[in-house]
N, C-alpha and C. Protein backbone atom coordinates (compact mmCIF):
# COMPACT_ATOMS: atom_id res chain seq x y z
N UNK A 1 175.37 152.64 46.94
CA UNK A 1 176.32 152.38 47.47
C UNK A 1 176.83 153.05 48.85
N UNK A 2 177.13 154.71 47.86
CA UNK A 2 177.56 155.45 48.86
C UNK A 2 176.87 156.45 50.08
N UNK A 3 175.34 156.07 49.59
CA UNK A 3 174.57 156.87 50.38
C UNK A 3 173.82 155.47 51.36
N UNK A 4 174.07 154.48 51.36
CA UNK A 4 173.42 153.13 52.20
C UNK A 4 174.71 152.89 52.98
N UNK A 5 175.97 152.91 52.57
CA UNK A 5 177.23 152.21 53.22
C UNK A 5 178.03 152.90 53.44
N UNK A 6 178.11 154.10 52.80
CA UNK A 6 179.11 155.04 53.32
C UNK A 6 179.11 156.07 53.53
N UNK A 7 178.36 157.20 53.25
CA UNK A 7 177.79 158.23 54.54
C UNK A 7 176.60 158.63 54.48
N UNK A 8 175.35 157.81 53.82
CA UNK A 8 174.08 158.16 54.42
C UNK A 8 173.32 159.32 53.63
N UNK A 9 172.34 160.25 54.60
CA UNK A 9 171.79 161.21 53.77
C UNK A 9 172.00 162.35 54.80
N UNK A 10 171.53 163.75 54.22
CA UNK A 10 171.85 164.55 54.64
C UNK A 10 171.62 164.65 56.36
N UNK A 11 172.25 164.67 56.92
CA UNK A 11 171.84 165.12 58.48
C UNK A 11 171.82 163.17 59.15
N UNK A 12 172.21 162.35 58.33
CA UNK A 12 171.72 161.18 59.22
C UNK A 12 173.24 160.46 58.48
N UNK A 13 173.86 160.18 59.26
CA UNK A 13 175.26 159.12 59.04
C UNK A 13 174.57 157.53 59.06
N UNK A 14 175.38 156.97 58.19
CA UNK A 14 175.09 155.41 57.72
C UNK A 14 176.37 155.23 57.66
N UNK A 15 176.64 153.42 57.94
CA UNK A 15 177.29 152.69 57.32
C UNK A 15 178.86 153.18 57.92
N UNK A 16 180.38 153.57 57.08
CA UNK A 16 181.47 154.00 57.03
C UNK A 16 181.20 155.07 58.03
N UNK A 17 180.73 156.09 57.65
CA UNK A 17 180.74 157.50 58.43
C UNK A 17 180.08 157.51 59.59
N UNK A 18 179.11 156.71 60.07
CA UNK A 18 178.84 156.73 61.26
C UNK A 18 179.67 156.06 62.73
N UNK A 19 180.30 155.32 61.57
CA UNK A 19 181.26 154.14 62.48
C UNK A 19 182.88 154.97 62.85
N UNK A 20 183.10 155.66 61.65
CA UNK A 20 184.52 156.60 62.33
C UNK A 20 184.08 157.15 63.13
N UNK A 21 182.78 158.26 62.78
CA UNK A 21 182.16 159.20 64.02
C UNK A 21 182.09 158.73 65.34
N UNK A 22 181.84 157.48 65.59
CA UNK A 22 181.74 156.82 66.77
C UNK A 22 182.92 156.95 67.56
N UNK A 23 183.79 156.20 66.47
CA UNK A 23 185.49 155.71 66.92
C UNK A 23 186.19 157.03 67.42
N UNK A 24 185.81 157.85 66.14
CA UNK A 24 186.17 159.58 66.86
C UNK A 24 185.93 160.22 68.32
N UNK A 25 184.63 159.63 68.37
CA UNK A 25 183.99 160.31 69.67
C UNK A 25 184.85 159.32 70.81
N UNK A 26 185.10 158.06 70.85
CA UNK A 26 185.76 157.33 71.87
C UNK A 26 186.72 157.71 71.87
N UNK A 27 187.54 157.78 71.38
CA UNK A 27 189.07 158.25 71.16
C UNK A 27 189.34 159.85 72.05
N UNK A 28 188.23 160.63 71.79
CA UNK A 28 188.64 162.19 72.14
C UNK A 28 187.59 162.53 73.81
N UNK A 29 187.36 160.79 73.98
CA UNK A 29 187.11 160.99 75.36
C UNK A 29 185.47 161.08 76.08
N UNK A 30 184.69 160.19 74.69
CA UNK A 30 183.41 159.98 75.09
C UNK A 30 183.52 158.78 75.66
N UNK A 31 182.18 158.59 76.75
CA UNK A 31 182.55 157.43 77.30
C UNK A 31 181.66 156.37 76.91
N UNK A 32 181.53 155.26 77.20
CA UNK A 32 180.77 153.99 76.89
C UNK A 32 180.90 153.66 77.76
N UNK A 33 179.54 153.16 78.67
CA UNK A 33 179.41 152.36 79.99
C UNK A 33 180.14 150.96 80.18
N UNK A 34 180.83 150.75 80.59
CA UNK A 34 181.46 149.10 81.12
C UNK A 34 182.38 149.29 80.36
N UNK A 35 182.92 150.16 79.65
CA UNK A 35 183.92 149.69 78.85
C UNK A 35 185.41 150.80 78.88
N UNK A 36 186.19 150.38 79.61
CA UNK A 36 187.69 151.59 79.96
C UNK A 36 188.97 151.41 79.28
N UNK A 37 188.69 152.67 78.06
CA UNK A 37 189.11 152.25 76.80
C UNK A 37 190.85 152.06 77.35
N UNK A 38 191.55 152.45 78.88
CA UNK A 38 192.73 152.38 79.13
C UNK A 38 192.91 151.11 78.41
N UNK A 39 192.12 149.36 78.97
CA UNK A 39 192.84 148.73 78.87
C UNK A 39 192.05 147.84 77.22
N UNK A 40 191.82 148.73 76.53
CA UNK A 40 191.50 148.78 74.82
C UNK A 40 192.96 148.60 74.38
N UNK A 41 193.52 147.42 73.60
CA UNK A 41 194.83 147.96 72.65
C UNK A 41 194.53 147.97 71.21
N UNK A 42 193.29 147.84 70.59
CA UNK A 42 193.10 147.26 69.43
C UNK A 42 191.61 147.71 68.94
N UNK A 43 191.14 148.39 68.35
CA UNK A 43 189.93 148.23 67.57
C UNK A 43 189.86 148.09 66.49
N UNK A 44 188.88 146.58 66.37
CA UNK A 44 188.92 146.17 65.01
C UNK A 44 187.41 147.14 64.42
N UNK A 45 187.14 147.78 63.54
CA UNK A 45 186.32 148.72 62.85
C UNK A 45 185.62 147.81 62.05
N UNK A 46 183.98 147.05 62.12
CA UNK A 46 183.76 146.21 61.32
C UNK A 46 182.24 146.80 60.97
N UNK A 47 181.79 147.06 60.06
CA UNK A 47 180.54 146.61 59.54
C UNK A 47 180.05 145.43 58.90
N UNK A 48 178.96 145.49 59.58
CA UNK A 48 178.20 143.99 59.49
C UNK A 48 176.75 144.43 58.72
N UNK A 49 177.02 143.60 57.38
CA UNK A 49 175.31 144.33 56.61
C UNK A 49 174.78 142.61 56.50
N UNK A 50 173.55 142.96 55.98
CA UNK A 50 172.58 141.84 56.01
C UNK A 50 173.15 141.39 54.69
N UNK A 51 172.66 142.18 53.27
CA UNK A 51 172.82 141.52 52.72
C UNK A 51 174.29 141.32 51.82
N UNK A 52 174.72 140.29 51.51
CA UNK A 52 175.78 139.94 50.78
C UNK A 52 176.39 140.77 49.92
N UNK A 53 175.59 141.60 48.98
CA UNK A 53 176.06 142.00 48.05
C UNK A 53 176.69 143.50 48.12
N UNK A 54 176.99 143.77 49.59
CA UNK A 54 177.66 144.78 50.08
C UNK A 54 179.10 144.44 50.45
N UNK A 55 179.49 143.28 50.36
CA UNK A 55 181.01 142.46 50.82
C UNK A 55 180.86 141.70 49.80
N UNK A 56 180.80 141.86 48.36
CA UNK A 56 181.36 141.40 47.08
C UNK A 56 183.18 141.83 46.88
N UNK A 57 183.40 140.75 46.01
CA UNK A 57 184.87 141.41 45.85
C UNK A 57 185.00 142.73 45.27
N UNK A 58 186.17 143.59 45.87
CA UNK A 58 186.69 144.83 45.56
C UNK A 58 185.99 145.73 46.23
N UNK A 59 184.61 145.68 47.02
CA UNK A 59 183.66 146.64 47.79
C UNK A 59 184.73 147.06 49.03
N UNK A 60 185.09 146.42 49.75
CA UNK A 60 185.82 146.83 50.90
C UNK A 60 187.05 148.16 50.84
N UNK A 61 187.67 148.19 48.96
CA UNK A 61 188.13 149.31 48.92
C UNK A 61 187.78 150.85 49.45
N UNK A 62 186.26 150.69 48.59
CA UNK A 62 186.14 151.95 48.99
C UNK A 62 185.72 152.55 50.06
N UNK A 63 185.22 151.70 51.21
CA UNK A 63 184.76 151.74 52.29
C UNK A 63 186.38 151.70 53.10
N UNK A 64 187.32 151.32 53.52
CA UNK A 64 188.75 151.45 53.63
C UNK A 64 188.77 153.06 53.02
N UNK A 65 188.93 153.43 51.85
CA UNK A 65 189.45 154.46 51.66
C UNK A 65 188.54 155.98 52.23
N UNK A 66 187.35 155.57 52.31
CA UNK A 66 186.22 156.35 53.14
C UNK A 66 186.30 156.88 54.68
N UNK A 67 187.24 155.09 55.42
CA UNK A 67 186.98 155.25 57.00
C UNK A 67 188.57 155.98 57.29
N UNK A 68 189.21 155.85 56.70
CA UNK A 68 191.17 156.22 56.93
C UNK A 68 191.15 156.35 58.22
N UNK A 69 191.79 155.13 58.73
CA UNK A 69 192.28 154.70 59.88
C UNK A 69 193.09 155.42 60.34
N UNK A 70 194.02 155.37 59.29
CA UNK A 70 195.50 156.42 59.95
C UNK A 70 195.15 158.02 60.46
N UNK A 71 193.82 158.51 59.69
CA UNK A 71 193.56 159.82 60.50
C UNK A 71 193.16 159.62 62.04
N UNK A 72 192.57 158.35 62.26
CA UNK A 72 192.00 158.09 63.48
C UNK A 72 193.10 158.07 64.31
N UNK A 73 194.33 157.73 64.15
CA UNK A 73 195.28 157.37 65.43
C UNK A 73 195.29 158.37 66.35
N UNK A 74 195.71 157.79 67.17
CA UNK A 74 195.82 158.80 68.34
C UNK A 74 197.16 158.43 69.64
N UNK A 75 198.56 159.73 69.62
CA UNK A 75 199.07 159.16 70.06
C UNK A 75 198.98 158.41 71.26
N UNK A 76 199.55 157.12 71.32
CA UNK A 76 199.52 156.18 72.42
C UNK A 76 198.17 155.96 72.53
N UNK A 77 197.34 155.99 72.10
CA UNK A 77 195.67 155.20 71.96
C UNK A 77 195.71 154.02 70.96
N UNK A 78 194.79 153.42 71.34
CA UNK A 78 194.70 151.98 70.79
C UNK A 78 195.13 151.90 69.41
N UNK A 79 195.42 150.83 68.51
CA UNK A 79 195.90 150.63 67.02
C UNK A 79 194.31 150.18 66.50
N UNK A 80 194.57 150.72 65.24
CA UNK A 80 193.27 150.53 64.70
C UNK A 80 193.14 149.97 63.48
N UNK A 81 192.44 148.75 63.19
CA UNK A 81 192.92 147.97 61.77
C UNK A 81 192.28 148.41 61.03
N UNK A 82 192.49 147.88 59.72
CA UNK A 82 191.63 148.17 58.73
C UNK A 82 190.41 147.88 58.58
N UNK A 83 189.89 148.47 58.30
CA UNK A 83 187.96 148.55 58.31
C UNK A 83 187.93 147.14 57.12
N UNK A 84 186.70 146.25 57.89
CA UNK A 84 186.26 145.10 57.32
C UNK A 84 185.05 145.03 57.01
N UNK A 85 184.06 144.49 56.11
CA UNK A 85 182.90 144.29 55.88
C UNK A 85 182.35 142.78 56.24
N UNK A 86 181.63 142.81 56.89
CA UNK A 86 181.40 140.87 57.22
C UNK A 86 179.73 141.25 57.12
N UNK A 87 179.28 139.80 56.68
CA UNK A 87 177.75 139.93 56.68
C UNK A 87 177.08 139.61 58.57
N UNK A 88 176.02 139.59 58.19
CA UNK A 88 175.46 139.01 59.64
C UNK A 88 175.81 137.29 60.11
N UNK A 89 175.66 136.55 58.76
CA UNK A 89 175.87 135.55 58.78
C UNK A 89 177.27 135.21 59.23
N UNK A 90 178.45 135.94 58.92
CA UNK A 90 179.89 135.99 59.06
C UNK A 90 179.61 135.50 60.59
N UNK A 91 179.35 136.72 60.90
CA UNK A 91 179.48 137.14 62.61
C UNK A 91 178.33 136.36 63.10
N UNK A 92 177.77 135.19 62.70
CA UNK A 92 176.59 134.13 63.29
C UNK A 92 178.03 133.01 63.41
N UNK A 93 178.34 132.60 62.02
CA UNK A 93 179.28 131.30 62.19
C UNK A 93 180.70 131.59 63.07
N UNK A 94 180.90 132.86 63.47
CA UNK A 94 181.85 132.73 64.68
C UNK A 94 181.00 132.99 66.23
N UNK A 95 180.15 133.05 66.23
CA UNK A 95 179.29 133.26 67.99
C UNK A 95 178.94 131.82 68.60
N UNK A 96 179.23 130.78 67.94
CA UNK A 96 179.21 129.75 69.13
C UNK A 96 180.56 129.12 69.32
N UNK A 97 181.63 129.88 69.05
CA UNK A 97 182.81 129.97 69.43
C UNK A 97 183.50 130.70 70.61
N UNK A 98 182.51 131.61 70.62
CA UNK A 98 182.38 132.88 72.37
C UNK A 98 182.42 132.57 73.44
N UNK A 99 182.23 130.85 73.62
CA UNK A 99 182.38 130.23 74.70
C UNK A 99 183.78 130.35 75.47
N UNK A 100 184.53 129.95 73.98
CA UNK A 100 185.94 129.65 74.24
C UNK A 100 187.14 130.60 74.26
N UNK A 101 187.01 131.68 72.72
CA UNK A 101 187.62 132.49 73.20
C UNK A 101 186.73 134.12 73.04
N UNK A 102 187.20 135.03 73.71
CA UNK A 102 186.76 136.37 73.24
C UNK A 102 186.08 136.71 71.91
N UNK A 103 185.25 137.55 71.78
CA UNK A 103 185.32 137.59 70.12
C UNK A 103 186.45 138.90 69.99
N UNK A 104 187.06 139.13 70.61
CA UNK A 104 188.24 139.81 70.00
C UNK A 104 189.62 139.24 69.54
N UNK A 105 189.87 137.92 70.51
CA UNK A 105 190.91 137.70 70.14
C UNK A 105 190.31 136.63 68.68
N UNK A 106 189.12 136.18 68.33
CA UNK A 106 188.72 135.76 67.27
C UNK A 106 188.71 136.42 66.11
N UNK A 107 188.33 137.77 66.17
CA UNK A 107 188.93 139.12 65.33
C UNK A 107 190.17 139.31 65.00
N UNK A 108 191.25 139.36 65.80
CA UNK A 108 192.48 139.28 66.18
C UNK A 108 193.16 138.16 65.12
N UNK A 109 192.94 136.95 65.35
CA UNK A 109 192.96 135.83 64.82
C UNK A 109 192.95 135.78 63.43
N UNK A 110 191.65 136.04 62.91
CA UNK A 110 191.20 136.51 61.57
C UNK A 110 191.72 137.56 60.89
N UNK A 111 192.15 138.58 61.25
CA UNK A 111 193.00 139.95 60.96
C UNK A 111 194.48 139.37 60.74
N UNK A 112 195.25 138.53 61.48
CA UNK A 112 196.20 138.03 61.33
C UNK A 112 196.90 137.18 60.33
N UNK A 113 195.57 136.09 60.11
CA UNK A 113 195.94 135.16 58.93
C UNK A 113 195.19 135.13 57.88
N UNK A 114 194.31 136.52 57.42
CA UNK A 114 193.77 136.73 56.29
C UNK A 114 194.00 138.10 55.78
N UNK A 115 195.12 138.98 55.83
CA UNK A 115 195.63 140.02 55.51
C UNK A 115 196.10 139.84 53.87
N UNK A 116 196.03 140.93 53.51
CA UNK A 116 196.65 141.04 52.08
C UNK A 116 197.95 142.22 52.52
N UNK A 117 198.85 142.05 51.40
CA UNK A 117 200.02 142.38 51.88
C UNK A 117 200.23 144.06 51.94
N UNK A 118 198.99 145.17 51.47
CA UNK A 118 198.70 146.71 51.89
C UNK A 118 198.00 146.29 53.27
N UNK A 119 197.98 145.05 53.79
CA UNK A 119 197.40 145.47 55.25
C UNK A 119 195.90 145.35 55.18
N UNK A 120 194.90 145.19 54.43
CA UNK A 120 193.79 145.11 54.33
C UNK A 120 193.74 143.77 54.46
N UNK A 121 192.16 143.27 54.33
CA UNK A 121 191.62 141.89 53.96
C UNK A 121 191.28 141.15 52.95
N UNK A 122 192.03 139.98 52.67
CA UNK A 122 191.32 139.26 52.06
C UNK A 122 189.84 138.95 52.01
N UNK A 123 189.84 139.33 50.73
CA UNK A 123 187.94 138.72 50.42
C UNK A 123 187.70 137.60 50.56
N UNK A 124 186.42 137.16 51.48
CA UNK A 124 186.31 135.52 51.99
C UNK A 124 184.97 136.07 53.13
N UNK A 125 184.78 134.93 53.25
CA UNK A 125 183.54 134.87 54.69
C UNK A 125 184.32 134.49 55.74
N UNK A 126 184.27 134.90 56.71
CA UNK A 126 184.78 135.56 57.94
C UNK A 126 184.14 133.70 58.71
N UNK A 127 184.83 132.64 58.49
CA UNK A 127 184.55 131.46 59.22
C UNK A 127 185.11 130.76 59.96
N UNK A 128 185.04 129.76 60.30
CA UNK A 128 185.82 129.24 61.12
C UNK A 128 186.89 128.19 60.42
N UNK A 129 186.74 127.82 59.37
CA UNK A 129 187.34 127.63 58.37
C UNK A 129 188.68 128.73 57.60
N UNK A 130 188.61 129.84 58.26
CA UNK A 130 190.11 130.77 58.25
C UNK A 130 190.44 131.54 59.21
N UNK A 131 189.76 130.59 60.41
CA UNK A 131 190.56 131.26 61.79
C UNK A 131 191.01 130.47 62.19
N UNK A 132 192.37 130.48 61.94
CA UNK A 132 192.86 129.05 62.88
C UNK A 132 192.68 128.59 64.25
N UNK A 133 192.07 129.52 64.85
CA UNK A 133 191.73 129.52 66.40
C UNK A 133 191.27 128.78 66.77
N UNK A 134 189.77 128.95 65.52
CA UNK A 134 188.72 128.00 65.57
C UNK A 134 189.17 126.56 64.91
N UNK A 135 189.91 126.51 64.12
CA UNK A 135 189.85 125.47 63.10
C UNK A 135 189.53 123.61 64.29
N UNK A 136 190.23 123.83 64.99
CA UNK A 136 190.21 122.58 65.92
C UNK A 136 188.61 122.75 67.27
N UNK A 137 188.64 123.54 67.28
CA UNK A 137 187.40 123.78 67.80
C UNK A 137 185.97 123.23 67.62
N UNK A 138 185.41 122.74 68.91
CA UNK A 138 183.78 122.09 68.64
C UNK A 138 182.97 123.43 69.17
N UNK A 139 182.18 124.20 68.08
CA UNK A 139 181.49 125.13 68.78
C UNK A 139 180.39 124.91 69.74
N UNK A 140 180.27 125.89 70.17
CA UNK A 140 179.51 125.86 71.89
C UNK A 140 178.15 126.48 71.41
N UNK A 141 177.45 126.76 72.66
CA UNK A 141 176.47 127.45 72.54
C UNK A 141 176.00 128.38 71.70
N UNK A 142 175.27 128.07 70.42
CA UNK A 142 174.85 128.86 69.28
C UNK A 142 173.66 129.52 69.49
N UNK A 143 173.61 131.37 70.26
CA UNK A 143 172.32 132.32 70.43
C UNK A 143 171.84 131.96 69.48
N UNK A 144 171.91 132.21 68.28
CA UNK A 144 171.17 132.53 66.80
C UNK A 144 170.28 130.94 67.15
N UNK A 145 170.87 129.99 67.13
CA UNK A 145 170.16 128.66 66.64
C UNK A 145 169.13 128.43 67.93
N UNK A 146 169.73 128.53 69.01
CA UNK A 146 168.77 128.78 70.23
C UNK A 146 167.82 129.40 70.18
N UNK A 147 167.38 130.83 69.73
CA UNK A 147 166.70 131.74 69.73
C UNK A 147 165.73 131.04 68.53
N UNK A 148 166.34 130.39 67.25
CA UNK A 148 165.57 130.52 66.18
C UNK A 148 164.23 128.81 67.04
N UNK A 149 165.24 128.08 67.56
CA UNK A 149 164.61 126.69 67.95
C UNK A 149 163.51 127.19 68.79
N UNK A 150 163.44 128.40 70.01
CA UNK A 150 162.59 128.73 70.33
C UNK A 150 161.49 129.09 69.73
N UNK A 151 161.71 130.04 69.05
CA UNK A 151 160.81 130.73 68.05
C UNK A 151 159.73 129.69 67.37
N UNK A 152 160.38 128.42 66.70
CA UNK A 152 160.06 127.61 66.68
C UNK A 152 159.05 126.57 67.21
N UNK A 153 159.29 126.62 68.56
CA UNK A 153 158.61 126.30 69.56
C UNK A 153 157.37 127.00 70.34
N UNK A 154 157.65 128.39 70.17
CA UNK A 154 156.62 128.91 70.45
C UNK A 154 156.09 129.30 69.69
N UNK A 155 155.80 129.54 68.04
CA UNK A 155 154.64 129.62 66.74
C UNK A 155 154.28 127.99 66.90
N UNK A 156 154.68 127.00 67.39
CA UNK A 156 153.92 125.63 67.35
C UNK A 156 153.08 125.72 68.68
N UNK A 157 153.48 126.49 69.37
CA UNK A 157 152.76 125.99 70.80
C UNK A 157 151.16 127.15 70.41
N UNK A 158 151.58 127.80 70.10
CA UNK A 158 150.10 128.89 69.53
C UNK A 158 149.34 128.27 68.29
N UNK A 159 149.85 127.80 67.23
CA UNK A 159 149.48 127.08 66.27
C UNK A 159 148.20 126.03 66.81
N UNK A 160 149.36 125.25 67.91
CA UNK A 160 148.58 123.90 68.14
C UNK A 160 148.42 123.92 69.82
N UNK A 161 147.75 124.39 70.48
CA UNK A 161 147.89 124.53 71.87
C UNK A 161 147.12 123.48 72.81
N UNK A 162 147.62 122.87 73.76
CA UNK A 162 147.57 121.80 74.34
C UNK A 162 146.25 121.69 74.95
N UNK A 163 145.10 120.48 74.57
CA UNK A 163 143.97 120.46 75.32
C UNK A 163 143.92 120.51 76.98
């Protein structure tokens, strides 16, 4: 876990270390095309994993300790929330709601309603069921489902070409 999700190999940052370094760069003045940091009030450090085994109970604590959000604080800079680890499935669960709400608003609502006493996130899946903002909303366009359906159509067209 230390090598795959927290530090990486010698000379190649992974996971937490890579995320922390890139946030440091932005806070120290490196530009990201299309983003004006002056308009950013909150940074949500989120690791997205393919494998559920990286987001099990108690696993967020080593990530948060290694990330050290307090050490990133800059005077007058954006607030940096506690690091959270989610799966790609978690992210895909909220994407169909981004036609109603910006992803930042969804993360903010999740953060506000799922924190523990120490400011960390409660363990659980990031789904519309635990995000009050989304609970009464019908999902909209689902880019993942749409692409999967198009992929299926492409495979069928190649396998069974029309005469």
